[in-house]
Amino acid sequence: MRTPVTAQESASPVYDRVIEGLRGLYDRRISGPPVLDSAALFPGNERFLANFPALQAEALAVAATLGSVPRFHELMPQQASISNQDQRDWRMLIIKAYGTTVKANARRCPAIARQVAADPDVLSAAVSFLAPGKRVPEHRGPFRGVLRYYLGISVPLDRNGLPGAVLTIDGVEHRVATGEALLWDDTFAHAVRNDTDELRIALLLDIRRRGMPLGLEILSRLLIAAAGIGVRLRRIS
C-alpha cells in the first residue's frame, strides 16, 4: 500500500521484483521529469495555497501536542529502515489514506480535511513532522500512477537563511519554503533531511495521475483500490 509517504513496503525479494516490474511497465508508457507542473497536473494546488493560513494553524496546533502523533514506523513497521534508522522522530498524522478518512485526525484538522475531501484526485493526505537533524534516506515510490505533493507548512531556515529542509529528488536538491509547494514523481529516488534545530512540518498529498494511457489508467485504479483495502484492514490511525 502506498501511504502518504511512499517507500518500499518490504525488503523481501518477491516484493522488490513485483515493484520493479510495475515501474518498468509504467516507464515504457510514461515519460517526464522528476518535478512536475502543478497547474497542469494538480489544479487543486491553488486552492490549497489560498487556504494556507488555516492549514498552517491546524498543523501548528497539532505540533503543540506532538507526542500524540505516531512515528511513521509505528504505523507501518516495515518502514523502520527509513523512519527509525537514526533514532530521530518522523511523525505522521494521517488524515486520509486511499479513500479512508481517519475520522479522529480529520476532527483535529478540519480545514485540511475539508480541502482534501473537496478534491477527488487527492487519494491520501498526512501532516508530516520531521525532527531536528532527521534524515530520511533515499527511497522510491512503487508506480507512476500517483504523484506526490509537498506543501511547506512550517519550514525553519538554516544558518544561511535558506529553507533548512532539503528534499533531494533524482540527485537535485529542492528547498521548499513555508507556504510553497512542489509536485513530483516519487518513483524517482528521493530523500529528505532537516538541517536545522527546529521541527519541519509539511502537508503531503498523494495525487491521482491523469492523462495516462487507458491500460495504465485501469491498472492504476485497481492498484489504488487494493491499497484502500489494505488501509482498511490495517486500521491505520
Protein backbone atom coordinates (compact mmCIF):
# COMPACT_ATOMS: atom_id res chain seq x y z
CA MET A 1 0.00 0.00 0.00
CA ARG A 2 1.24 3.47 -0.78
CA THR A 3 0.65 5.67 2.25
CA PRO A 4 1.09 9.48 2.24
CA VAL A 5 4.81 8.94 2.33
CA THR A 6 5.85 6.16 -0.02
CA ALA A 7 8.78 3.85 0.38
CA GLN A 8 9.44 0.19 -0.05
CA GLU A 9 6.93 -1.77 1.93
CA SER A 10 9.13 -4.76 2.40
CA ALA A 11 12.68 -5.86 1.99
CA SER A 12 11.54 -9.15 0.51
CA PRO A 13 12.96 -10.14 -2.90
CA VAL A 14 9.47 -11.04 -4.15
CA TYR A 15 8.12 -7.57 -3.33
CA ASP A 16 11.15 -5.93 -4.90
CA ARG A 17 10.68 -7.89 -8.14
CA VAL A 18 6.98 -7.00 -8.32
CA ILE A 19 7.70 -3.31 -7.77
CA GLU A 20 10.48 -3.25 -10.35
CA GLY A 21 8.11 -4.90 -12.81
CA LEU A 22 5.45 -2.27 -12.12
CA ARG A 23 7.92 0.56 -12.53
CA GLY A 24 9.13 -0.89 -15.80
CA LEU A 25 5.58 -1.26 -17.11
CA TYR A 26 4.77 2.38 -16.40
CA ASP A 27 8.16 3.65 -17.56
CA ARG A 28 7.60 2.14 -21.00
CA ARG A 29 4.43 4.20 -21.46
CA ILE A 30 5.02 7.35 -19.39
CA SER A 31 7.95 9.73 -19.56
CA GLY A 32 8.59 13.00 -17.83
CA PRO A 33 10.86 14.87 -15.44
CA PRO A 34 11.04 14.26 -11.69
CA VAL A 35 9.48 17.65 -10.80
CA LEU A 36 6.17 18.40 -12.47
CA ASP A 37 3.87 21.30 -13.34
CA SER A 38 1.31 21.69 -10.55
CA ALA A 39 -1.01 23.86 -12.66
CA ALA A 40 -1.24 21.19 -15.36
CA LEU A 41 -1.36 18.07 -13.20
CA PHE A 42 -2.87 19.29 -9.92
CA PRO A 43 -5.15 22.31 -10.31
CA GLY A 44 -6.12 21.92 -6.64
CA ASN A 45 -2.72 23.38 -5.78
CA GLU A 46 -4.14 26.91 -5.99
CA ARG A 47 -6.93 26.08 -3.57
CA PHE A 48 -4.54 24.60 -1.01
CA LEU A 49 -2.28 27.64 -1.26
CA ALA A 50 -5.25 30.02 -0.93
CA ASN A 51 -6.27 28.29 2.31
CA PHE A 52 -2.73 28.08 3.64
CA PRO A 53 -3.22 30.16 6.85
CA ALA A 54 -5.96 27.84 8.12
CA LEU A 55 -4.00 24.71 7.19
CA GLN A 56 -0.90 26.04 8.92
CA ALA A 57 -2.79 26.98 12.10
CA GLU A 58 -4.17 23.46 12.44
CA ALA A 59 -0.80 21.79 11.86
CA LEU A 60 0.90 24.05 14.40
CA ALA A 61 -1.80 23.20 16.95
CA VAL A 62 -1.09 19.50 16.41
CA ALA A 63 2.65 20.17 16.79
CA ALA A 64 1.97 21.57 20.26
CA THR A 65 0.91 18.06 21.32
CA LEU A 66 3.35 16.18 19.12
CA GLY A 67 3.65 13.22 21.47
CA SER A 68 0.12 12.22 20.47
CA VAL A 69 1.18 11.78 16.83
CA PRO A 70 2.60 8.34 15.95
CA ARG A 71 6.00 7.81 14.40
CA PHE A 72 5.81 6.57 10.84
CA HIS A 73 7.24 3.15 11.65
CA GLU A 74 4.71 2.76 14.46
CA LEU A 75 2.01 3.00 11.81
CA MET A 76 3.95 0.82 9.37
CA PRO A 77 6.72 -1.25 10.99
CA GLN A 78 8.09 -2.24 7.58
CA GLN A 79 9.11 1.40 7.09
CA ALA A 80 11.52 1.34 10.02
CA SER A 81 14.53 1.30 7.68
CA ILE A 82 13.76 4.87 6.62
CA SER A 83 11.79 6.07 9.64
CA ASN A 84 13.81 4.83 12.59
CA GLN A 85 17.34 4.35 11.28
CA ASP A 86 18.80 7.38 13.12
CA GLN A 87 16.57 7.35 16.23
CA ARG A 88 15.20 10.80 15.35
CA ASP A 89 11.46 11.23 15.02
CA TRP A 90 9.47 11.28 11.84
CA ARG A 91 5.87 11.56 12.96
CA MET A 92 2.84 11.36 10.71
CA LEU A 93 -0.76 12.45 11.27
CA ILE A 94 -2.71 10.66 8.57
CA ILE A 95 -5.89 12.45 7.53
CA LYS A 96 -6.82 10.19 4.63
CA ALA A 97 -5.34 7.04 3.14
CA TYR A 98 -6.67 5.76 -0.17
CA GLY A 99 -10.32 6.52 0.25
CA THR A 100 -10.40 6.03 4.01
CA THR A 101 -10.66 9.14 6.18
CA VAL A 102 -9.16 8.79 9.65
CA LYS A 103 -12.02 10.47 11.47
CA ALA A 104 -10.23 11.31 14.72
CA ASN A 105 -7.40 13.00 12.82
CA ALA A 106 -9.80 14.79 10.50
CA ARG A 107 -11.50 16.26 13.57
CA ARG A 108 -8.14 17.60 14.73
CA CYS A 109 -7.56 19.24 11.32
CA PRO A 110 -11.00 20.10 9.91
CA ALA A 111 -9.73 22.73 7.43
CA ILE A 112 -7.20 20.29 5.99
CA ALA A 113 -9.83 17.56 5.89
CA ARG A 114 -12.26 19.84 4.03
CA GLN A 115 -9.72 20.69 1.35
CA VAL A 116 -8.81 17.03 0.94
CA ALA A 117 -12.44 15.94 0.73
CA ALA A 118 -13.18 18.63 -1.89
CA ASP A 119 -10.76 17.15 -4.42
CA PRO A 120 -11.38 13.63 -5.77
CA ASP A 121 -7.82 13.50 -7.10
CA VAL A 122 -6.40 13.65 -3.55
CA LEU A 123 -6.09 9.99 -2.60
CA SER A 124 -4.11 10.36 0.63
CA ALA A 125 -3.11 13.18 2.95
CA ALA A 126 -0.90 13.46 6.01
CA VAL A 127 0.82 16.10 8.08
CA SER A 128 4.49 15.17 8.35
CA PHE A 129 6.65 16.25 11.30
CA LEU A 130 10.39 15.89 10.78
CA ALA A 131 12.52 16.25 13.91
CA PRO A 132 15.61 18.47 14.04
CA GLY A 133 18.52 16.74 12.33
CA LYS A 134 16.33 13.95 10.95
CA ARG A 135 17.41 12.26 7.73
CA VAL A 136 15.14 10.07 5.64
CA PRO A 137 17.37 8.00 3.35
CA GLU A 138 16.89 7.64 -0.37
CA HIS A 139 13.90 5.56 -1.46
CA ARG A 140 11.45 5.27 -4.36
CA GLY A 141 7.71 5.02 -4.81
CA PRO A 142 6.28 1.90 -6.44
CA PHE A 143 4.43 3.15 -9.55
CA ARG A 144 3.78 6.26 -11.61
CA GLY A 145 0.01 6.26 -11.32
CA VAL A 146 0.22 8.52 -8.26
CA LEU A 147 2.12 11.77 -7.80
CA ARG A 148 3.41 13.39 -4.60
CA TYR A 149 2.53 16.92 -3.48
CA TYR A 150 4.56 18.65 -0.77
CA LEU A 151 3.34 21.86 0.87
CA GLY A 152 5.71 23.51 3.32
CA ILE A 153 3.66 24.27 6.44
CA SER A 154 6.48 25.36 8.76
CA VAL A 155 9.97 25.11 7.30
CA PRO A 156 12.73 26.51 9.53
CA LEU A 157 15.66 28.38 8.00
CA ASP A 158 19.22 27.16 8.16
CA ARG A 159 22.17 29.29 9.26
CA ASN A 160 22.41 30.73 5.73
CA GLY A 161 18.80 31.90 5.78
CA LEU A 162 17.64 29.21 3.36
CA PRO A 163 14.83 26.69 3.93
CA GLY A 164 16.55 24.11 6.09
CA ALA A 165 14.56 21.06 4.99
CA VAL A 166 16.18 19.70 1.85
CA LEU A 167 14.28 17.40 -0.49
CA THR A 168 16.66 15.67 -2.91
CA ILE A 169 14.94 14.23 -5.99
CA ASP A 170 16.94 12.38 -8.63
CA GLY A 171 20.13 13.92 -7.26
CA VAL A 172 18.87 17.53 -7.32
CA GLU A 173 18.26 19.44 -4.08
CA HIS A 174 14.98 21.34 -3.62
CA ARG A 175 14.34 23.72 -0.73
CA VAL A 176 10.60 24.29 -0.38
CA ALA A 177 9.89 27.25 1.89
CA THR A 178 6.94 27.81 4.20
CA GLY A 179 3.87 28.43 2.05
CA GLU A 180 5.44 26.95 -1.09
CA ALA A 181 4.59 23.66 -2.80
CA LEU A 182 6.20 21.10 -5.07
CA LEU A 183 4.70 18.32 -7.18
CA TRP A 184 6.91 15.43 -8.18
CA ASP A 185 7.03 11.85 -9.41
CA ASP A 186 8.21 9.84 -6.42
CA THR A 187 9.29 6.85 -8.48
CA PHE A 188 12.49 8.86 -8.88
CA ALA A 189 14.89 8.26 -5.99
CA HIS A 190 14.36 10.87 -3.29
CA ALA A 191 15.46 11.64 0.24
CA VAL A 192 14.85 14.39 2.78
CA ARG A 193 16.81 15.89 5.62
CA ASN A 194 16.20 18.57 8.22
CA ASP A 195 19.40 20.58 8.61
CA THR A 196 18.07 22.75 11.42
CA ASP A 197 17.46 22.59 15.17
CA GLU A 198 13.72 23.07 14.71
CA LEU A 199 10.77 20.92 13.69
CA ARG A 200 9.86 20.85 9.99
CA ILE A 201 6.16 20.47 9.18
CA ALA A 202 4.78 19.66 5.73
CA LEU A 203 1.48 18.57 4.24
CA LEU A 204 1.94 15.55 1.99
CA LEU A 205 -0.67 14.51 -0.55
CA ASP A 206 -0.87 11.61 -2.97
CA ILE A 207 -2.49 12.81 -6.20
CA ARG A 208 -4.10 10.67 -8.87
CA ARG A 209 -2.17 10.98 -12.13
CA ARG A 210 -4.40 11.97 -15.02
CA GLY A 211 -3.88 11.60 -18.77
CA MET A 212 -2.34 8.12 -18.74
CA PRO A 213 -2.93 5.53 -21.48
CA LEU A 214 -6.17 3.65 -20.88
CA GLY A 215 -4.49 0.39 -19.87
CA LEU A 216 -2.37 2.12 -17.23
CA GLU A 217 -5.38 4.10 -16.03
CA ILE A 218 -7.28 0.85 -15.41
CA LEU A 219 -4.26 -0.76 -13.74
CA SER A 220 -3.78 2.29 -11.52
CA ARG A 221 -7.40 2.20 -10.40
CA LEU A 222 -7.03 -1.47 -9.48
CA LEU A 223 -3.81 -0.84 -7.55
CA ILE A 224 -5.33 2.14 -5.74
CA ALA A 225 -8.41 0.09 -4.82
CA ALA A 226 -6.16 -2.67 -3.46
CA ALA A 227 -4.26 -0.08 -1.44
CA GLY A 228 -7.55 1.14 0.01
CA ILE A 229 -8.45 -2.38 1.11
CA GLY A 230 -5.05 -2.65 2.76
CA VAL A 231 -5.65 0.58 4.67
CA ARG A 232 -8.97 -0.63 5.98
CA LEU A 233 -7.50 -3.96 7.04
CA ARG A 234 -4.63 -2.26 8.87
CA ARG A 235 -6.92 0.29 10.52
CA ILE A 236 -4.29 3.00 10.27
CA SER A 237 -4.96 5.88 12.66
